[in-house]
Each structure stands twice: as structure tokens, then as C-alpha cells.
PDB file of N, CA and C in Angstrom:
ATOM      1  N   MET A   1      55.249  -1.655 -16.857  1.00  0.00           N
ATOM      2  CA  MET A   1      54.821  -0.989 -15.689  1.00  0.00           C
ATOM      3  C   MET A   1      55.987  -0.477 -14.895  1.00  0.00           C
ATOM      4  N   ILE A   2      55.916   0.703 -14.333  1.00  0.00           N
ATOM      5  CA  ILE A   2      56.985   1.253 -13.511  1.00  0.00           C
ATOM      6  C   ILE A   2      56.762   1.006 -12.055  1.00  0.00           C
ATOM      7  N   SER A   3      57.801   1.078 -11.326  1.00  0.00           N
ATOM      8  CA  SER A   3      57.756   0.936  -9.849  1.00  0.00           C
ATOM      9  C   SER A   3      57.673   2.382  -9.263  1.00  0.00           C
ATOM     10  N   LEU A   4      56.713   2.621  -8.364  1.00  0.00           N
ATOM     11  CA  LEU A   4      56.492   3.936  -7.757  1.00  0.00           C
ATOM     12  C   LEU A   4      56.619   3.911  -6.315  1.00  0.00           C
ATOM     13  N   ASN A   5      57.413   4.708  -5.707  1.00  0.00           N
ATOM     14  CA  ASN A   5      57.552   4.734  -4.216  1.00  0.00           C
ATOM     15  C   ASN A   5      56.561   5.770  -3.756  1.00  0.00           C
ATOM     16  N   ILE A   6      55.745   5.266  -2.756  1.00  0.00           N
ATOM     17  CA  ILE A   6      54.721   6.149  -2.129  1.00  0.00           C
ATOM     18  C   ILE A   6      54.893   6.195  -0.663  1.00  0.00           C
ATOM     19  N   LYS A   7      54.931   7.416  -0.066  1.00  0.00           N
ATOM     20  CA  LYS A   7      55.129   7.569   1.350  1.00  0.00           C
ATOM     21  C   LYS A   7      53.858   8.232   1.953  1.00  0.00           C
ATOM     22  N   LYS A   8      53.277   7.622   3.007  1.00  0.00           N
ATOM     23  CA  LYS A   8      52.151   8.171   3.731  1.00  0.00           C
ATOM     24  C   LYS A   8      52.696   9.299   4.684  1.00  0.00           C
ATOM     25  N   LEU A   9      52.141  10.439   4.467  1.00  0.00           N
ATOM     26  CA  LEU A   9      52.586  11.627   5.243  1.00  0.00           C
ATOM     27  C   LEU A   9      51.648  11.783   6.549  1.00  0.00           C
ATOM     28  N   LYS A  10      50.464  11.149   6.432  1.00  0.00           N
ATOM     29  CA  LYS A  10      49.501  11.140   7.567  1.00  0.00           C
ATOM     30  C   LYS A  10      49.002   9.790   7.704  1.00  0.00           C
ATOM     31  N   PRO A  11      48.695   9.438   8.962  1.00  0.00           N
ATOM     32  CA  PRO A  11      48.259   8.032   9.270  1.00  0.00           C
ATOM     33  C   PRO A  11      46.939   7.602   8.540  1.00  0.00           C
ATOM     34  N   GLY A  12      46.025   8.519   8.321  1.00  0.00           N
ATOM     35  CA  GLY A  12      44.745   8.200   7.639  1.00  0.00           C
ATOM     36  C   GLY A  12      44.852   8.204   6.116  1.00  0.00           C
ATOM     37  N   ALA A  13      45.995   8.448   5.553  1.00  0.00           N
ATOM     38  CA  ALA A  13      46.133   8.583   4.139  1.00  0.00           C
ATOM     39  C   ALA A  13      45.913   7.227   3.400  1.00  0.00           C
ATOM     40  N   ILE A  14      45.349   7.256   2.250  1.00  0.00           N
ATOM     41  CA  ILE A  14      45.034   5.983   1.542  1.00  0.00           C
ATOM     42  C   ILE A  14      45.928   5.942   0.268  1.00  0.00           C
ATOM     43  N   VAL A  15      46.693   4.806   0.113  1.00  0.00           N
ATOM     44  CA  VAL A  15      47.580   4.722  -1.051  1.00  0.00           C
ATOM     45  C   VAL A  15      46.724   4.453  -2.312  1.00  0.00           C
ATOM     46  N   PRO A  16      46.953   5.239  -3.365  1.00  0.00           N
ATOM     47  CA  PRO A  16      46.155   5.127  -4.564  1.00  0.00           C
ATOM     48  C   PRO A  16      46.177   3.667  -5.089  1.00  0.00           C
ATOM     49  N   SER A  17      45.030   3.214  -5.630  1.00  0.00           N
ATOM     50  CA  SER A  17      44.888   1.804  -6.161  1.00  0.00           C
ATOM     51  C   SER A  17      43.862   1.818  -7.259  1.00  0.00           C
ATOM     52  N   TYR A  18      43.951   0.793  -8.133  1.00  0.00           N
ATOM     53  CA  TYR A  18      42.972   0.600  -9.128  1.00  0.00           C
ATOM     54  C   TYR A  18      41.700   0.010  -8.533  1.00  0.00           C
ATOM     55  N   GLN A  19      40.603   0.581  -8.869  1.00  0.00           N
ATOM     56  CA  GLN A  19      39.295   0.172  -8.277  1.00  0.00           C
ATOM     57  C   GLN A  19      38.477  -0.858  -9.086  1.00  0.00           C
ATOM     58  N   THR A  20      38.818  -0.961 -10.380  1.00  0.00           N
ATOM     59  CA  THR A  20      38.126  -1.939 -11.198  1.00  0.00           C
ATOM     60  C   THR A  20      39.084  -2.660 -12.135  1.00  0.00           C
ATOM     61  N   GLU A  21      38.785  -3.784 -12.548  1.00  0.00           N
ATOM     62  CA  GLU A  21      39.703  -4.638 -13.358  1.00  0.00           C
ATOM     63  C   GLU A  21      40.218  -3.941 -14.552  1.00  0.00           C
ATOM     64  N   HIS A  22      39.435  -3.138 -15.302  1.00  0.00           N
ATOM     65  CA  HIS A  22      39.985  -2.483 -16.531  1.00  0.00           C
ATOM     66  C   HIS A  22      40.180  -0.988 -16.417  1.00  0.00           C
ATOM     67  N   ALA A  23      40.394  -0.542 -15.164  1.00  0.00           N
ATOM     68  CA  ALA A  23      40.623   0.870 -14.893  1.00  0.00           C
ATOM     69  C   ALA A  23      41.869   1.407 -15.632  1.00  0.00           C
ATOM     70  N   ALA A  24      41.823   2.506 -16.171  1.00  0.00           N
ATOM     71  CA  ALA A  24      42.995   3.181 -16.868  1.00  0.00           C
ATOM     72  C   ALA A  24      43.954   3.799 -15.959  1.00  0.00           C
ATOM     73  N   ALA A  25      43.455   4.138 -14.688  1.00  0.00           N
ATOM     74  CA  ALA A  25      44.261   4.851 -13.682  1.00  0.00           C
ATOM     75  C   ALA A  25      43.870   4.508 -12.328  1.00  0.00           C
ATOM     76  N   VAL A  26      44.691   4.862 -11.388  1.00  0.00           N
ATOM     77  CA  VAL A  26      44.426   4.649  -9.936  1.00  0.00           C
ATOM     78  C   VAL A  26      43.503   5.758  -9.452  1.00  0.00           C
ATOM     79  N   ASP A  27      42.795   5.481  -8.352  1.00  0.00           N
ATOM     80  CA  ASP A  27      41.968   6.504  -7.645  1.00  0.00           C
ATOM     81  C   ASP A  27      42.755   7.144  -6.521  1.00  0.00           C
ATOM     82  N   LEU A  28      42.757   8.430  -6.512  1.00  0.00           N
ATOM     83  CA  LEU A  28      43.466   9.171  -5.483  1.00  0.00           C
ATOM     84  C   LEU A  28      42.346   9.716  -4.473  1.00  0.00           C
ATOM     85  N   CYS A  29      42.597   9.490  -3.216  1.00  0.00           N
ATOM     86  CA  CYS A  29      41.701   9.940  -2.146  1.00  0.00           C
ATOM     87  C   CYS A  29      42.106  11.199  -1.387  1.00  0.00           C
ATOM     88  N   ALA A  30      41.220  12.047  -1.019  1.00  0.00           N
ATOM     89  CA  ALA A  30      41.570  13.192  -0.197  1.00  0.00           C
ATOM     90  C   ALA A  30      41.805  12.650   1.236  1.00  0.00           C
ATOM     91  N   CYS A  31      42.707  13.310   2.008  1.00  0.00           N
ATOM     92  CA  CYS A  31      43.032  13.043   3.335  1.00  0.00           C
ATOM     93  C   CYS A  31      42.521  14.157   4.197  1.00  0.00           C
ATOM     94  N   ILE A  32      41.218  14.188   4.527  1.00  0.00           N
ATOM     95  CA  ILE A  32      40.602  15.354   5.235  1.00  0.00           C
ATOM     96  C   ILE A  32      39.800  14.888   6.382  1.00  0.00           C
ATOM     97  N   ASP A  33      39.547  15.723   7.321  1.00  0.00           N
ATOM     98  CA  ASP A  33      38.795  15.356   8.493  1.00  0.00           C
ATOM     99  C   ASP A  33      37.359  15.978   8.429  1.00  0.00           C
ATOM    100  N   THR A  34      37.116  16.975   7.531  1.00  0.00           N
ATOM    101  CA  THR A  34      35.863  17.645   7.473  1.00  0.00           C
ATOM    102  C   THR A  34      35.446  17.719   5.985  1.00  0.00           C
ATOM    103  N   THR A  35      34.133  17.932   5.781  1.00  0.00           N
ATOM    104  CA  THR A  35      33.609  18.082   4.460  1.00  0.00           C
ATOM    105  C   THR A  35      34.090  19.455   3.884  1.00  0.00           C
ATOM    106  N   ILE A  36      34.519  19.496   2.615  1.00  0.00           N
ATOM    107  CA  ILE A  36      34.943  20.736   1.941  1.00  0.00           C
ATOM    108  C   ILE A  36      33.880  21.025   0.919  1.00  0.00           C
ATOM    109  N   VAL A  37      33.313  22.311   0.909  1.00  0.00           N
ATOM    110  CA  VAL A  37      32.324  22.737   0.029  1.00  0.00           C
ATOM    111  C   VAL A  37      32.965  23.835  -0.815  1.00  0.00           C
ATOM    112  N   LEU A  38      32.817  23.683  -2.161  1.00  0.00           N
ATOM    113  CA  LEU A  38      33.391  24.647  -3.104  1.00  0.00           C
ATOM    114  C   LEU A  38      32.223  25.597  -3.732  1.00  0.00           C
ATOM    115  N   SER A  39      32.421  26.812  -3.616  1.00  0.00           N
ATOM    116  CA  SER A  39      31.457  27.768  -4.241  1.00  0.00           C
ATOM    117  C   SER A  39      31.863  27.825  -5.762  1.00  0.00           C
ATOM    118  N   HIS A  40      30.890  28.381  -6.494  1.00  0.00           N
ATOM    119  CA  HIS A  40      31.113  28.562  -7.936  1.00  0.00           C
ATOM    120  C   HIS A  40      32.479  29.253  -8.201  1.00  0.00           C
ATOM    121  N   SER A  41      33.282  28.707  -9.058  1.00  0.00           N
ATOM    122  CA  SER A  41      34.572  29.256  -9.482  1.00  0.00           C
ATOM    123  C   SER A  41      35.540  29.334  -8.336  1.00  0.00           C
ATOM    124  N   GLU A  42      35.346  28.573  -7.311  1.00  0.00           N
ATOM    125  CA  GLU A  42      36.351  28.562  -6.161  1.00  0.00           C
ATOM    126  C   GLU A  42      37.333  27.453  -6.327  1.00  0.00           C
ATOM    127  N   PHE A  43      38.524  27.728  -5.939  1.00  0.00           N
ATOM    128  CA  PHE A  43      39.597  26.770  -5.982  1.00  0.00           C
ATOM    129  C   PHE A  43      40.185  26.496  -4.536  1.00  0.00           C
ATOM    130  N   LYS A  44      40.441  25.255  -4.326  1.00  0.00           N
ATOM    131  CA  LYS A  44      41.093  24.881  -3.003  1.00  0.00           C
ATOM    132  C   LYS A  44      42.086  23.796  -3.250  1.00  0.00           C
ATOM    133  N   VAL A  45      43.090  23.812  -2.361  1.00  0.00           N
ATOM    134  CA  VAL A  45      44.096  22.705  -2.454  1.00  0.00           C
ATOM    135  C   VAL A  45      43.567  21.637  -1.512  1.00  0.00           C
ATOM    136  N   ILE A  46      43.452  20.391  -1.993  1.00  0.00           N
ATOM    137  CA  ILE A  46      42.950  19.283  -1.186  1.00  0.00           C
ATOM    138  C   ILE A  46      44.108  18.352  -0.966  1.00  0.00           C
ATOM    139  N   PRO A  47      44.524  18.133   0.337  1.00  0.00           N
ATOM    140  CA  PRO A  47      45.489  17.266   0.734  1.00  0.00           C
ATOM    141  C   PRO A  47      45.239  15.813   0.427  1.00  0.00           C
ATOM    142  N   THR A  48      46.225  15.060  -0.023  1.00  0.00           N
ATOM    143  CA  THR A  48      46.062  13.590  -0.199  1.00  0.00           C
ATOM    144  C   THR A  48      46.710  12.841   0.955  1.00  0.00           C
ATOM    145  N   GLY A  49      47.652  13.423   1.669  1.00  0.00           N
ATOM    146  CA  GLY A  49      48.402  12.713   2.761  1.00  0.00           C
ATOM    147  C   GLY A  49      49.421  11.832   2.268  1.00  0.00           C
ATOM    148  N   ILE A  50      49.818  11.913   1.018  1.00  0.00           N
ATOM    149  CA  ILE A  50      50.874  11.045   0.396  1.00  0.00           C
ATOM    150  C   ILE A  50      51.881  11.905  -0.283  1.00  0.00           C
ATOM    151  N   ALA A  51      53.050  11.288  -0.490  1.00  0.00           N
ATOM    152  CA  ALA A  51      54.099  11.876  -1.345  1.00  0.00           C
ATOM    153  C   ALA A  51      54.621  10.741  -2.293  1.00  0.00           C
ATOM    154  N   ILE A  52      54.854  11.092  -3.521  1.00  0.00           N
ATOM    155  CA  ILE A  52      55.401  10.112  -4.469  1.00  0.00           C
ATOM    156  C   ILE A  52      56.776  10.445  -4.996  1.00  0.00           C
ATOM    157  N   ALA A  53      57.483   9.400  -5.312  1.00  0.00           N
ATOM    158  CA  ALA A  53      58.823   9.621  -5.853  1.00  0.00           C
ATOM    159  C   ALA A  53      58.726   9.226  -7.326  1.00  0.00           C
ATOM    160  N   LEU A  54      58.456  10.221  -8.240  1.00  0.00           N
ATOM    161  CA  LEU A  54      58.238   9.898  -9.605  1.00  0.00           C
ATOM    162  C   LEU A  54      59.502   9.804 -10.361  1.00  0.00           C
ATOM    163  N   PRO A  55      59.744   8.702 -11.083  1.00  0.00           N
ATOM    164  CA  PRO A  55      60.893   8.606 -11.849  1.00  0.00           C
ATOM    165  C   PRO A  55      61.070   9.676 -12.934  1.00  0.00           C
ATOM    166  N   THR A  56      62.411  10.020 -13.255  1.00  0.00           N
ATOM    167  CA  THR A  56      62.653  10.944 -14.311  1.00  0.00           C
ATOM    168  C   THR A  56      61.948  10.513 -15.670  1.00  0.00           C
ATOM    169  N   GLY A  57      61.366  11.440 -16.377  1.00  0.00           N
ATOM    170  CA  GLY A  57      60.785  11.144 -17.616  1.00  0.00           C
ATOM    171  C   GLY A  57      59.316  10.830 -17.509  1.00  0.00           C
ATOM    172  N   TYR A  58      58.742  10.765 -16.345  1.00  0.00           N
ATOM    173  CA  TYR A  58      57.305  10.454 -16.132  1.00  0.00           C
ATOM    174  C   TYR A  58      56.594  11.698 -15.534  1.00  0.00           C
ATOM    175  N   GLU A  59      55.284  11.670 -15.679  1.00  0.00           N
ATOM    176  CA  GLU A  59      54.508  12.726 -15.018  1.00  0.00           C
ATOM    177  C   GLU A  59      53.301  12.046 -14.378  1.00  0.00           C
ATOM    178  N   ALA A  60      52.780  12.765 -13.398  1.00  0.00           N
ATOM    179  CA  ALA A  60      51.574  12.319 -12.651  1.00  0.00           C
ATOM    180  C   ALA A  60      50.515  13.310 -13.010  1.00  0.00           C
ATOM    181  N   GLN A  61      49.243  12.904 -13.263  1.00  0.00           N
ATOM    182  CA  GLN A  61      48.166  13.832 -13.526  1.00  0.00           C
ATOM    183  C   GLN A  61      46.990  13.469 -12.610  1.00  0.00           C
ATOM    184  N   ILE A  62      46.345  14.511 -12.160  1.00  0.00           N
ATOM    185  CA  ILE A  62      45.187  14.304 -11.285  1.00  0.00           C
ATOM    186  C   ILE A  62      43.965  14.841 -12.112  1.00  0.00           C
ATOM    187  N   ARG A  63      42.993  13.982 -12.327  1.00  0.00           N
ATOM    188  CA  ARG A  63      41.762  14.261 -13.096  1.00  0.00           C
ATOM    189  C   ARG A  63      40.561  13.930 -12.301  1.00  0.00           C
ATOM    190  N   GLY A  64      39.502  14.669 -12.456  1.00  0.00           N
ATOM    191  CA  GLY A  64      38.248  14.341 -11.889  1.00  0.00           C
ATOM    192  C   GLY A  64      37.635  13.055 -12.466  1.00  0.00           C
ATOM    193  N   ARG A  65      36.829  12.307 -11.678  1.00  0.00           N
ATOM    194  CA  ARG A  65      36.292  11.136 -12.228  1.00  0.00           C
ATOM    195  C   ARG A  65      35.215  11.502 -13.185  1.00  0.00           C
ATOM    196  N   SER A  66      35.084  10.851 -14.273  1.00  0.00           N
ATOM    197  CA  SER A  66      34.186  11.274 -15.346  1.00  0.00           C
ATOM    198  C   SER A  66      32.787  11.586 -14.908  1.00  0.00           C
ATOM    199  N   GLY A  67      32.250  10.706 -14.053  1.00  0.00           N
ATOM    200  CA  GLY A  67      30.896  10.889 -13.570  1.00  0.00           C
ATOM    201  C   GLY A  67      30.693  12.151 -12.701  1.00  0.00           C
ATOM    202  N   ASN A  68      31.684  12.428 -11.807  1.00  0.00           N
ATOM    203  CA  ASN A  68      31.622  13.622 -10.964  1.00  0.00           C
ATOM    204  C   ASN A  68      31.784  14.859 -11.801  1.00  0.00           C
ATOM    205  N   ALA A  69      32.727  14.810 -12.713  1.00  0.00           N
ATOM    206  CA  ALA A  69      33.013  15.951 -13.600  1.00  0.00           C
ATOM    207  C   ALA A  69      31.752  16.346 -14.361  1.00  0.00           C
ATOM    208  N   ALA A  70      31.088  15.409 -14.922  1.00  0.00           N
ATOM    209  CA  ALA A  70      29.807  15.724 -15.743  1.00  0.00           C
ATOM    210  C   ALA A  70      28.706  16.114 -14.829  1.00  0.00           C
ATOM    211  N   LYS A  71      28.451  15.502 -13.616  1.00  0.00           N
ATOM    212  CA  LYS A  71      27.395  15.773 -12.751  1.00  0.00           C
ATOM    213  C   LYS A  71      27.508  17.093 -12.000  1.00  0.00           C
ATOM    214  N   PHE A  72      28.776  17.387 -11.526  1.00  0.00           N
ATOM    215  CA  PHE A  72      29.062  18.477 -10.641  1.00  0.00           C
ATOM    216  C   PHE A  72      29.975  19.529 -11.170  1.00  0.00           C
ATOM    217  N   GLY A  73      30.409  19.381 -12.400  1.00  0.00           N
ATOM    218  CA  GLY A  73      31.305  20.429 -13.001  1.00  0.00           C
ATOM    219  C   GLY A  73      32.660  20.471 -12.312  1.00  0.00           C
ATOM    220  N   ILE A  74      33.139  19.325 -11.839  1.00  0.00           N
ATOM    221  CA  ILE A  74      34.476  19.347 -11.104  1.00  0.00           C
ATOM    222  C   ILE A  74      35.453  18.826 -12.078  1.00  0.00           C
ATOM    223  N   SER A  75      36.534  19.604 -12.240  1.00  0.00           N
ATOM    224  CA  SER A  75      37.682  19.122 -13.093  1.00  0.00           C
ATOM    225  C   SER A  75      39.043  19.682 -12.520  1.00  0.00           C
TER     226      SER A  75
END
């Protein structure tokens, strides 16, 4: 396991964490004050309120939760 430095950029930001015992990845939360609605084929940047210092040789990926991706077509 690597050590990852995470900085909160906004007071309401939530640090990513594992939500279940056997989770393969951490959950990343949006840091927003209002509901965001996407129209068909629309793209938006959703702030997380955090910054990470990723070590050389590693990458971070953001993926939709499998249930939401299947139910709502979010990826």
C-alpha cells in the first residue's frame, strides 16, 4: 500500500475512504452546494474539494459506481 497525501481545498470536502470491508477502491465525493442535473450527452466538471499528491509511477482513476452506471448511464 502506498502513502497518499490529500489536501482539503474546501472546508466541506470529504477525504476519500473505503466504504466496505472488501472494496477495491475508495469512494470519491462531490463537493457541491446544489444539485447538478445532466442532460443527455452533457458533460460537466464536478469539484471534489480535494487535491492529491500522487507518487511518480502511479495513476488515479475516477469511475462511476457500478450500480449508478448501470441504472443511470453515468460513466
